[in-house]
C-alpha atoms as a PDB file:
ATOM      1  CA  MET A   1      36.563 -43.121  39.618  1.00  0.00           C
ATOM      2  CA  ASP A   2      35.315 -40.717  42.309  1.00  0.00           C
ATOM      3  CA  LEU A   3      35.712 -37.793  39.917  1.00  0.00           C
ATOM      4  CA  PHE A   4      33.858 -39.671  37.194  1.00  0.00           C
ATOM      5  CA  LEU A   5      30.927 -40.487  39.495  1.00  0.00           C
ATOM      6  CA  GLN A   6      30.870 -36.888  40.699  1.00  0.00           C
ATOM      7  CA  GLN A   7      30.582 -35.683  37.124  1.00  0.00           C
ATOM      8  CA  ILE A   8      27.783 -38.176  36.474  1.00  0.00           C
ATOM      9  CA  VAL A   9      25.788 -36.441  39.218  1.00  0.00           C
ATOM     10  CA  ASN A  10      26.656 -33.010  37.796  1.00  0.00           C
ATOM     11  CA  GLY A  11      25.669 -34.134  34.298  1.00  0.00           C
ATOM     12  CA  LEU A  12      22.415 -35.557  35.604  1.00  0.00           C
ATOM     13  CA  THR A  13      21.685 -32.252  37.353  1.00  0.00           C
ATOM     14  CA  LEU A  14      22.355 -30.246  34.210  1.00  0.00           C
ATOM     15  CA  GLY A  15      20.356 -32.695  32.102  1.00  0.00           C
ATOM     16  CA  CYS A  16      17.346 -32.331  34.428  1.00  0.00           C
ATOM     17  CA  ILE A  17      17.353 -28.553  34.009  1.00  0.00           C
ATOM     18  CA  TYR A  18      17.683 -28.826  30.237  1.00  0.00           C
ATOM     19  CA  CYS A  19      14.965 -31.470  30.187  1.00  0.00           C
ATOM     20  CA  LEU A  20      12.311 -29.324  31.878  1.00  0.00           C
ATOM     21  CA  VAL A  21      12.926 -26.414  29.510  1.00  0.00           C
ATOM     22  CA  ALA A  22      13.112 -28.638  26.423  1.00  0.00           C
ATOM     23  CA  LEU A  23       9.898 -30.472  27.352  1.00  0.00           C
ATOM     24  CA  GLY A  24       7.980 -27.201  27.413  1.00  0.00           C
ATOM     25  CA  LEU A  25       9.465 -26.148  24.099  1.00  0.00           C
ATOM     26  CA  THR A  26       8.623 -29.561  22.629  1.00  0.00           C
ATOM     27  CA  LEU A  27       4.998 -29.361  23.782  1.00  0.00           C
ATOM     28  CA  ILE A  28       4.550 -25.968  22.134  1.00  0.00           C
ATOM     29  CA  TYR A  29       6.186 -27.066  18.899  1.00  0.00           C
ATOM     30  CA  GLY A  30       4.271 -30.347  18.836  1.00  0.00           C
ATOM     31  CA  ILE A  31       0.919 -28.587  19.194  1.00  0.00           C
ATOM     32  CA  MET A  32       1.448 -25.257  17.441  1.00  0.00           C
ATOM     33  CA  GLU A  33       4.496 -25.898  15.242  1.00  0.00           C
ATOM     34  CA  VAL A  34       5.802 -22.619  16.663  1.00  0.00           C
ATOM     35  CA  PRO A  35       9.544 -22.230  17.411  1.00  0.00           C
ATOM     36  CA  ASN A  36       8.918 -20.284  20.610  1.00  0.00           C
ATOM     37  CA  PHE A  37      12.218 -18.460  21.081  1.00  0.00           C
ATOM     38  CA  ALA A  38      10.665 -16.551  23.993  1.00  0.00           C
ATOM     39  CA  HIS A  39      10.499 -19.777  26.029  1.00  0.00           C
ATOM     40  CA  GLY A  40      14.020 -19.275  27.373  1.00  0.00           C
ATOM     41  CA  HIS A  41      13.063 -15.829  28.596  1.00  0.00           C
ATOM     42  CA  PHE A  42      10.097 -17.294  30.429  1.00  0.00           C
ATOM     43  CA  TYR A  43      12.728 -19.350  32.238  1.00  0.00           C
ATOM     44  CA  MET A  44      14.491 -16.068  33.053  1.00  0.00           C
ATOM     45  CA  ILE A  45      11.300 -14.414  34.337  1.00  0.00           C
ATOM     46  CA  GLY A  46      10.561 -17.460  36.484  1.00  0.00           C
ATOM     47  CA  ALA A  47      13.961 -17.086  38.136  1.00  0.00           C
ATOM     48  CA  TYR A  48      13.337 -13.393  38.822  1.00  0.00           C
ATOM     49  CA  VAL A  49       9.877 -14.027  40.276  1.00  0.00           C
ATOM     50  CA  THR A  50      11.298 -16.653  42.630  1.00  0.00           C
ATOM     51  CA  PHE A  51      14.155 -14.328  43.593  1.00  0.00           C
ATOM     52  CA  PHE A  52      11.939 -11.349  44.391  1.00  0.00           C
ATOM     53  CA  MET A  53       9.339 -13.434  46.224  1.00  0.00           C
ATOM     54  CA  MET A  54      12.087 -14.634  48.560  1.00  0.00           C
ATOM     55  CA  THR A  55      14.082 -11.414  48.958  1.00  0.00           C
ATOM     56  CA  LEU A  56      11.412  -8.698  48.840  1.00  0.00           C
ATOM     57  CA  TYR A  57       8.483 -10.496  50.426  1.00  0.00           C
ATOM     58  CA  GLY A  58      10.309 -12.989  52.601  1.00  0.00           C
ATOM     59  CA  LEU A  59       8.424 -16.021  51.334  1.00  0.00           C
ATOM     60  CA  ASN A  60       9.936 -19.472  51.643  1.00  0.00           C
ATOM     61  CA  TYR A  61      11.584 -21.173  48.706  1.00  0.00           C
ATOM     62  CA  TRP A  62       8.777 -23.587  47.833  1.00  0.00           C
ATOM     63  CA  LEU A  63       5.989 -21.015  48.035  1.00  0.00           C
ATOM     64  CA  SER A  64       8.055 -18.655  45.867  1.00  0.00           C
ATOM     65  CA  ALA A  65       8.515 -21.423  43.291  1.00  0.00           C
ATOM     66  CA  ILE A  66       4.764 -22.140  43.234  1.00  0.00           C
ATOM     67  CA  ILE A  67       3.989 -18.450  42.718  1.00  0.00           C
ATOM     68  CA  ALA A  68       6.553 -18.321  39.893  1.00  0.00           C
ATOM     69  CA  GLY A  69       4.826 -21.276  38.243  1.00  0.00           C
ATOM     70  CA  ILE A  70       1.411 -19.599  38.476  1.00  0.00           C
ATOM     71  CA  VAL A  71       2.726 -16.283  37.150  1.00  0.00           C
ATOM     72  CA  LEU A  72       4.484 -17.970  34.228  1.00  0.00           C
ATOM     73  CA  ALA A  73       1.434 -20.091  33.377  1.00  0.00           C
ATOM     74  CA  ILE A  74      -0.628 -16.896  33.122  1.00  0.00           C
ATOM     75  CA  LEU A  75       2.067 -15.204  31.013  1.00  0.00           C
ATOM     76  CA  GLY A  76       2.190 -18.251  28.758  1.00  0.00           C
ATOM     77  CA  VAL A  77      -1.544 -18.043  28.112  1.00  0.00           C
ATOM     78  CA  LEU A  78      -1.246 -14.306  27.417  1.00  0.00           C
ATOM     79  CA  LEU A  79       1.587 -14.915  24.948  1.00  0.00           C
ATOM     80  CA  GLU A  80      -0.468 -17.504  23.100  1.00  0.00           C
ATOM     81  CA  ARG A  81      -3.579 -15.323  22.999  1.00  0.00           C
ATOM     82  CA  LEU A  82      -1.929 -12.006  22.138  1.00  0.00           C
ATOM     83  CA  VAL A  83       0.920 -13.088  19.856  1.00  0.00           C
ATOM     84  CA  PHE A  84       0.500 -16.574  18.380  1.00  0.00           C
ATOM     85  CA  HIS A  85      -3.265 -17.043  18.241  1.00  0.00           C
ATOM     86  CA  PRO A  86      -3.863 -14.066  15.902  1.00  0.00           C
ATOM     87  CA  MET A  87      -1.149 -15.454  13.615  1.00  0.00           C
ATOM     88  CA  ARG A  88      -2.397 -19.051  13.478  1.00  0.00           C
ATOM     89  CA  HIS A  89      -3.318 -18.809   9.784  1.00  0.00           C
ATOM     90  CA  THR A  90      -0.233 -16.879   8.699  1.00  0.00           C
ATOM     91  CA  PRO A  91       2.935 -18.329   7.125  1.00  0.00           C
ATOM     92  CA  ALA A  92       5.484 -19.965   9.413  1.00  0.00           C
ATOM     93  CA  THR A  93       7.915 -17.109   8.787  1.00  0.00           C
ATOM     94  CA  ASN A  94       5.540 -14.674  10.485  1.00  0.00           C
ATOM     95  CA  LYS A  95       5.360 -16.858  13.608  1.00  0.00           C
ATOM     96  CA  PHE A  96       9.137 -17.157  13.608  1.00  0.00           C
ATOM     97  CA  ILE A  97       9.545 -13.374  13.517  1.00  0.00           C
ATOM     98  CA  ALA A  98       6.875 -12.930  16.208  1.00  0.00           C
ATOM     99  CA  ALA A  99       8.681 -15.400  18.486  1.00  0.00           C
ATOM    100  CA  VAL A 100      11.989 -13.575  18.039  1.00  0.00           C
ATOM    101  CA  GLY A 101      10.223 -10.269  18.704  1.00  0.00           C
ATOM    102  CA  ALA A 102       8.687 -11.612  21.917  1.00  0.00           C
ATOM    103  CA  MET A 103      12.114 -12.847  23.019  1.00  0.00           C
ATOM    104  CA  LEU A 104      13.776  -9.476  22.439  1.00  0.00           C
ATOM    105  CA  PHE A 105      10.903  -7.633  24.125  1.00  0.00           C
ATOM    106  CA  LEU A 106      11.051  -9.769  27.275  1.00  0.00           C
ATOM    107  CA  GLU A 107      14.820  -9.378  27.637  1.00  0.00           C
ATOM    108  CA  ALA A 108      14.655  -5.616  27.124  1.00  0.00           C
ATOM    109  CA  LEU A 109      11.769  -5.367  29.597  1.00  0.00           C
ATOM    110  CA  ALA A 110      13.755  -7.323  32.192  1.00  0.00           C
ATOM    111  CA  ARG A 111      16.731  -4.989  31.804  1.00  0.00           C
ATOM    112  CA  VAL A 112      14.502  -1.935  32.234  1.00  0.00           C
ATOM    113  CA  LEU A 113      12.680  -3.313  35.279  1.00  0.00           C
ATOM    114  CA  TRP A 114      15.518  -5.108  37.089  1.00  0.00           C
ATOM    115  CA  GLY A 115      18.764  -3.865  35.558  1.00  0.00           C
ATOM    116  CA  SER A 116      21.616  -6.002  34.290  1.00  0.00           C
ATOM    117  CA  ASP A 117      23.068  -7.008  37.654  1.00  0.00           C
ATOM    118  CA  TYR A 118      23.768 -10.649  38.404  1.00  0.00           C
ATOM    119  CA  ARG A 119      21.790 -12.145  41.270  1.00  0.00           C
ATOM    120  CA  ASN A 120      21.406 -15.487  43.030  1.00  0.00           C
ATOM    121  CA  ILE A 121      18.245 -17.022  44.389  1.00  0.00           C
ATOM    122  CA  PRO A 122      19.031 -17.530  48.103  1.00  0.00           C
ATOM    123  CA  SER A 123      19.914 -21.159  48.738  1.00  0.00           C
ATOM    124  CA  VAL A 124      18.325 -22.855  51.726  1.00  0.00           C
ATOM    125  CA  TYR A 125      19.613 -26.286  50.758  1.00  0.00           C
ATOM    126  CA  ASP A 126      23.362 -25.762  50.481  1.00  0.00           C
ATOM    127  CA  ASN A 127      24.532 -28.497  52.835  1.00  0.00           C
ATOM    128  CA  VAL A 128      26.874 -31.092  51.371  1.00  0.00           C
ATOM    129  CA  VAL A 129      25.661 -34.683  51.506  1.00  0.00           C
ATOM    130  CA  GLN A 130      27.453 -37.917  50.706  1.00  0.00           C
ATOM    131  CA  ILE A 131      25.705 -40.842  48.993  1.00  0.00           C
ATOM    132  CA  ALA A 132      27.643 -44.014  48.146  1.00  0.00           C
ATOM    133  CA  GLY A 133      30.873 -42.058  48.368  1.00  0.00           C
ATOM    134  CA  ILE A 134      29.643 -39.265  46.047  1.00  0.00           C
ATOM    135  CA  ARG A 135      29.589 -35.757  47.517  1.00  0.00           C
ATOM    136  CA  THR A 136      26.953 -33.330  46.284  1.00  0.00           C
ATOM    137  CA  THR A 137      24.705 -30.579  47.614  1.00  0.00           C
ATOM    138  CA  GLU A 138      21.130 -30.842  48.783  1.00  0.00           C
ATOM    139  CA  GLN A 139      20.085 -28.397  46.049  1.00  0.00           C
ATOM    140  CA  LYS A 140      21.399 -30.670  43.298  1.00  0.00           C
ATOM    141  CA  LEU A 141      19.492 -33.594  44.783  1.00  0.00           C
ATOM    142  CA  ILE A 142      16.363 -31.419  44.868  1.00  0.00           C
ATOM    143  CA  ILE A 143      16.877 -30.538  41.184  1.00  0.00           C
ATOM    144  CA  ILE A 144      17.184 -34.203  40.206  1.00  0.00           C
ATOM    145  CA  ILE A 145      14.257 -35.402  42.323  1.00  0.00           C
ATOM    146  CA  GLY A 146      12.066 -32.434  41.415  1.00  0.00           C
ATOM    147  CA  ALA A 147      12.719 -32.843  37.688  1.00  0.00           C
ATOM    148  CA  PHE A 148      11.897 -36.555  37.717  1.00  0.00           C
ATOM    149  CA  VAL A 149       8.709 -35.917  39.704  1.00  0.00           C
ATOM    150  CA  LEU A 150       7.628 -33.282  37.177  1.00  0.00           C
ATOM    151  CA  MET A 151       8.480 -35.572  34.240  1.00  0.00           C
ATOM    152  CA  ALA A 152       6.417 -38.354  35.785  1.00  0.00           C
ATOM    153  CA  ALA A 153       3.546 -35.942  36.431  1.00  0.00           C
ATOM    154  CA  LEU A 154       3.676 -34.760  32.810  1.00  0.00           C
ATOM    155  CA  TYR A 155       3.607 -38.354  31.568  1.00  0.00           C
ATOM    156  CA  VAL A 156       0.565 -39.172  33.719  1.00  0.00           C
ATOM    157  CA  PHE A 157      -1.130 -35.948  32.599  1.00  0.00           C
ATOM    158  CA  ILE A 158      -0.567 -36.647  28.899  1.00  0.00           C
ATOM    159  CA  LYS A 159      -1.278 -40.384  28.949  1.00  0.00           C
ATOM    160  CA  LYS A 160      -3.847 -40.859  31.708  1.00  0.00           C
ATOM    161  CA  THR A 161      -6.130 -37.826  31.647  1.00  0.00           C
ATOM    162  CA  LEU A 162      -8.771 -36.729  29.169  1.00  0.00           C
ATOM    163  CA  ILE A 163      -7.307 -33.246  28.846  1.00  0.00           C
ATOM    164  CA  GLY A 164      -3.867 -34.713  28.223  1.00  0.00           C
ATOM    165  CA  SER A 165      -5.324 -36.970  25.548  1.00  0.00           C
ATOM    166  CA  THR A 166      -6.635 -33.915  23.711  1.00  0.00           C
ATOM    167  CA  ILE A 167      -3.118 -32.465  23.689  1.00  0.00           C
ATOM    168  CA  GLU A 168      -1.767 -35.697  22.239  1.00  0.00           C
ATOM    169  CA  ALA A 169      -4.528 -35.831  19.641  1.00  0.00           C
ATOM    170  CA  MET A 170      -3.931 -32.240  18.599  1.00  0.00           C
ATOM    171  CA  ALA A 171      -0.197 -32.878  18.265  1.00  0.00           C
ATOM    172  CA  GLN A 172      -0.870 -35.763  15.897  1.00  0.00           C
ATOM    173  CA  ASN A 173      -3.448 -33.974  13.750  1.00  0.00           C
ATOM    174  CA  ARG A 174      -4.678 -30.481  14.584  1.00  0.00           C
ATOM    175  CA  ASP A 175      -7.390 -30.395  11.902  1.00  0.00           C
ATOM    176  CA  GLY A 176      -8.590 -33.884  12.774  1.00  0.00           C
ATOM    177  CA  ALA A 177      -8.785 -32.956  16.460  1.00  0.00           C
ATOM    178  CA  SER A 178     -10.914 -29.943  15.600  1.00  0.00           C
ATOM    179  CA  LEU A 179     -13.254 -32.058  13.454  1.00  0.00           C
ATOM    180  CA  VAL A 180     -13.983 -34.488  16.298  1.00  0.00           C
ATOM    181  CA  GLY A 181     -14.966 -31.644  18.621  1.00  0.00           C
ATOM    182  CA  ILE A 182     -11.757 -30.826  20.500  1.00  0.00           C
ATOM    183  CA  ASP A 183     -11.530 -27.143  21.426  1.00  0.00           C
ATOM    184  CA  VAL A 184      -8.180 -26.375  19.811  1.00  0.00           C
ATOM    185  CA  ASN A 185      -8.052 -22.874  21.314  1.00  0.00           C
ATOM    186  CA  ARG A 186      -8.390 -24.209  24.853  1.00  0.00           C
ATOM    187  CA  VAL A 187      -5.791 -26.904  24.181  1.00  0.00           C
ATOM    188  CA  ALA A 188      -3.371 -24.308  22.796  1.00  0.00           C
ATOM    189  CA  MET A 189      -3.763 -22.123  25.893  1.00  0.00           C
ATOM    190  CA  LEU A 190      -3.354 -25.116  28.187  1.00  0.00           C
ATOM    191  CA  THR A 191      -0.221 -26.209  26.326  1.00  0.00           C
ATOM    192  CA  PHE A 192       1.421 -22.806  26.706  1.00  0.00           C
ATOM    193  CA  ALA A 193       0.459 -22.737  30.391  1.00  0.00           C
ATOM    194  CA  VAL A 194       1.975 -26.171  31.073  1.00  0.00           C
ATOM    195  CA  ALA A 195       5.109 -25.387  29.043  1.00  0.00           C
ATOM    196  CA  SER A 196       5.613 -22.087  30.866  1.00  0.00           C
ATOM    197  CA  LEU A 197       5.092 -23.768  34.231  1.00  0.00           C
ATOM    198  CA  LEU A 198       7.865 -26.246  33.373  1.00  0.00           C
ATOM    199  CA  ALA A 199      10.177 -23.350  32.488  1.00  0.00           C
ATOM    200  CA  ALA A 200       9.385 -21.686  35.823  1.00  0.00           C
ATOM    201  CA  ALA A 201      10.076 -24.942  37.663  1.00  0.00           C
ATOM    202  CA  ALA A 202      13.457 -25.283  35.942  1.00  0.00           C
ATOM    203  CA  ALA A 203      14.324 -21.694  36.878  1.00  0.00           C
ATOM    204  CA  SER A 204      13.277 -22.069  40.516  1.00  0.00           C
ATOM    205  CA  LEU A 205      15.200 -25.323  40.895  1.00  0.00           C
ATOM    206  CA  SER A 206      18.379 -24.102  39.198  1.00  0.00           C
ATOM    207  CA  GLY A 207      18.356 -20.486  40.451  1.00  0.00           C
ATOM    208  CA  PRO A 208      20.238 -21.195  43.695  1.00  0.00           C
ATOM    209  CA  ILE A 209      23.212 -22.698  41.813  1.00  0.00           C
ATOM    210  CA  PHE A 210      23.221 -20.476  38.711  1.00  0.00           C
ATOM    211  CA  LEU A 211      23.251 -16.716  38.265  1.00  0.00           C
ATOM    212  CA  VAL A 212      20.041 -14.825  37.547  1.00  0.00           C
ATOM    213  CA  TYR A 213      20.301 -12.062  34.939  1.00  0.00           C
ATOM    214  CA  PRO A 214      18.273 -10.789  31.927  1.00  0.00           C
ATOM    215  CA  GLY A 215      20.294 -12.650  29.302  1.00  0.00           C
ATOM    216  CA  MET A 216      20.159 -16.051  31.003  1.00  0.00           C
ATOM    217  CA  GLY A 217      17.372 -17.184  28.670  1.00  0.00           C
ATOM    218  CA  ASN A 218      19.568 -16.934  25.566  1.00  0.00           C
ATOM    219  CA  ILE A 219      21.854 -19.829  26.445  1.00  0.00           C
ATOM    220  CA  ILE A 220      19.116 -22.116  27.749  1.00  0.00           C
ATOM    221  CA  ILE A 221      16.902 -21.642  24.680  1.00  0.00           C
ATOM    222  CA  MET A 222      19.840 -22.370  22.378  1.00  0.00           C
ATOM    223  CA  LYS A 223      20.500 -25.619  24.252  1.00  0.00           C
ATOM    224  CA  ALA A 224      16.784 -26.479  24.297  1.00  0.00           C
ATOM    225  CA  PHE A 225      16.535 -26.141  20.513  1.00  0.00           C
ATOM    226  CA  VAL A 226      19.592 -28.337  20.072  1.00  0.00           C
ATOM    227  CA  ILE A 227      17.930 -30.917  22.324  1.00  0.00           C
ATOM    228  CA  ILE A 228      14.609 -31.022  20.484  1.00  0.00           C
ATOM    229  CA  VAL A 229      16.368 -31.263  17.121  1.00  0.00           C
ATOM    230  CA  ILE A 230      18.525 -34.112  18.429  1.00  0.00           C
ATOM    231  CA  GLY A 231      15.503 -35.903  19.873  1.00  0.00           C
ATOM    232  CA  GLY A 232      13.184 -35.228  16.953  1.00  0.00           C
ATOM    233  CA  MET A 233      11.007 -32.137  16.635  1.00  0.00           C
ATOM    234  CA  GLY A 234       7.894 -32.516  18.776  1.00  0.00           C
ATOM    235  CA  SER A 235       8.954 -35.782  20.461  1.00  0.00           C
ATOM    236  CA  ILE A 236       8.702 -35.893  24.257  1.00  0.00           C
ATOM    237  CA  PRO A 237      10.877 -39.030  24.663  1.00  0.00           C
ATOM    238  CA  GLY A 238      13.382 -37.439  22.314  1.00  0.00           C
ATOM    239  CA  ALA A 239      13.485 -34.262  24.407  1.00  0.00           C
ATOM    240  CA  VAL A 240      14.140 -36.250  27.592  1.00  0.00           C
ATOM    241  CA  ILE A 241      16.892 -38.403  26.093  1.00  0.00           C
ATOM    242  CA  GLY A 242      18.434 -35.471  24.200  1.00  0.00           C
ATOM    243  CA  ALA A 243      18.570 -33.382  27.382  1.00  0.00           C
ATOM    244  CA  PHE A 244      20.466 -36.033  29.315  1.00  0.00           C
ATOM    245  CA  ILE A 245      22.809 -36.727  26.397  1.00  0.00           C
ATOM    246  CA  LEU A 246      23.660 -33.034  26.230  1.00  0.00           C
ATOM    247  CA  GLY A 247      23.954 -32.583  29.997  1.00  0.00           C
ATOM    248  CA  MET A 248      26.306 -35.536  30.364  1.00  0.00           C
ATOM    249  CA  ALA A 249      28.362 -34.612  27.300  1.00  0.00           C
ATOM    250  CA  GLU A 250      28.856 -31.014  28.433  1.00  0.00           C
ATOM    251  CA  THR A 251      29.859 -32.042  31.940  1.00  0.00           C
ATOM    252  CA  MET A 252      32.293 -34.729  30.788  1.00  0.00           C
ATOM    253  CA  GLY A 253      33.701 -32.471  28.082  1.00  0.00           C
ATOM    254  CA  ALA A 254      34.312 -29.636  30.551  1.00  0.00           C
ATOM    255  CA  THR A 255      36.004 -32.030  32.977  1.00  0.00           C
ATOM    256  CA  TYR A 256      38.154 -34.152  30.693  1.00  0.00           C
ATOM    257  CA  ILE A 257      38.758 -31.810  27.756  1.00  0.00           C
ATOM    258  CA  SER A 258      38.331 -28.122  28.627  1.00  0.00           C
ATOM    259  CA  SER A 259      35.601 -25.965  30.117  1.00  0.00           C
ATOM    260  CA  SER A 260      36.248 -23.476  27.292  1.00  0.00           C
ATOM    261  CA  TYR A 261      34.644 -25.904  24.831  1.00  0.00           C
ATOM    262  CA  LYS A 262      31.617 -26.778  26.968  1.00  0.00           C
ATOM    263  CA  ASP A 263      29.078 -24.898  24.830  1.00  0.00           C
ATOM    264  CA  ILE A 264      30.605 -26.171  21.569  1.00  0.00           C
ATOM    265  CA  VAL A 265      29.830 -29.735  22.656  1.00  0.00           C
ATOM    266  CA  ALA A 266      26.113 -29.129  22.038  1.00  0.00           C
ATOM    267  CA  PHE A 267      26.643 -28.399  18.362  1.00  0.00           C
ATOM    268  CA  ALA A 268      29.184 -31.176  17.916  1.00  0.00           C
ATOM    269  CA  ILE A 269      26.617 -33.675  19.220  1.00  0.00           C
ATOM    270  CA  LEU A 270      23.940 -32.115  17.013  1.00  0.00           C
ATOM    271  CA  VAL A 271      26.048 -32.554  13.881  1.00  0.00           C
ATOM    272  CA  LEU A 272      27.027 -36.100  14.836  1.00  0.00           C
ATOM    273  CA  ILE A 273      23.501 -37.333  15.528  1.00  0.00           C
ATOM    274  CA  LEU A 274      21.909 -35.595  12.543  1.00  0.00           C
ATOM    275  CA  SER A 275      24.558 -37.054  10.248  1.00  0.00           C
ATOM    276  CA  ILE A 276      23.385 -40.501  11.363  1.00  0.00           C
ATOM    277  CA  ARG A 277      19.651 -39.786  11.829  1.00  0.00           C
ATOM    278  CA  PRO A 278      18.646 -36.607   9.968  1.00  0.00           C
ATOM    279  CA  SER A 279      15.167 -36.591  11.547  1.00  0.00           C
ATOM    280  CA  GLY A 280      16.517 -36.924  15.100  1.00  0.00           C
ATOM    281  CA  LEU A 281      16.454 -39.864  17.474  1.00  0.00           C
ATOM    282  CA  PHE A 282      12.652 -40.126  17.462  1.00  0.00           C
ATOM    283  CA  ALA A 283       9.969 -39.370  14.900  1.00  0.00           C
ATOM    284  CA  ARG A 284       7.850 -36.276  15.360  1.00  0.00           C
ATOM    285  CA  GLY A 285       4.811 -36.149  17.636  1.00  0.00           C
ATOM    286  CA  VAL A 286       3.867 -36.030  21.319  1.00  0.00           C
ATOM    287  CA  ARG A 287       3.917 -39.601  22.584  1.00  0.00           C
END
C-alpha cells in the first residue's frame, strides 16, 4: 500500500508537468488551429534560462523562474508574429511544416549555443518530507502546488476576465470574433505568450528533478500531443484530465510492469480511448 501511495504522488507530479505543457499547446491549437511542434522546445529553452540565471548570475530559484517566464512569453509572441501570423491564410500543411521547421531550428540553436551536455537546475528544495506516511521531496510538492495554482489562475483568467473572454470567443469562432470587434491579432499574440509562459513554468518546476538538454523538448511535445488528442483537440478540461491519466498510467506501468515500457503506455492509452471515443474525451473548444 505504501508503494502504491508513493506512486500516486509520483504520477500526480508527472501529470502536473504534462498538464502545464499540454494546456499551452491546447490554447494555441484552440485559437490558431496550429499544431505547434516548437512548444516542447520552448519548454527546453525555459529550463535553460532558469539554469543559467541560477548558475551564471546567482539569482534565486523563484526569480530565475519568473525571468524564464518573461523571456518565453516574449519568444512566444515573436514566434507568432514572425512564423505563424504571415501564414494565417495559407493551407494547414504550410503551418504544419513551419511548426516542424521552428522545432528543428530551436533544437539546433540550443546545441550550438549550449552544447549537448546534460545539466540539472540546482535544487534548493531537496529535503524529504513525510505526509500521512508518504515520503516525497519538497520539490515534488512545489511542482504539484505550483501547477494547481497556475491551472486555477488560467481558469480565472479565461472565465472571469474580459481579455480571457476574447480568447474563449476566438476559440469558438475566429471569424465571428473578428466581426464583433475583437482584435484577433492581439488575442493570437496573447495566447502564444500565455502558452509559452506555461511551458516555462513547467520547465522551471521540473528542471531540478529532470535533466536539462537540447533534445528534452522532443519527448514532452510527443506526450503533450497524445494528451490533447486523448482529451479532445482544443479542450482545456480534456488536456487537464488527459495529462493526469497519462501521468498516472506511466508511473503505475513503470512500477508494476516495467520501466522499459513507460513511453509505450502513452500510445496504448491513446489507442484505447480513441477506439471508444474517436473525438477524444471532450468536444473541441476552449471552455
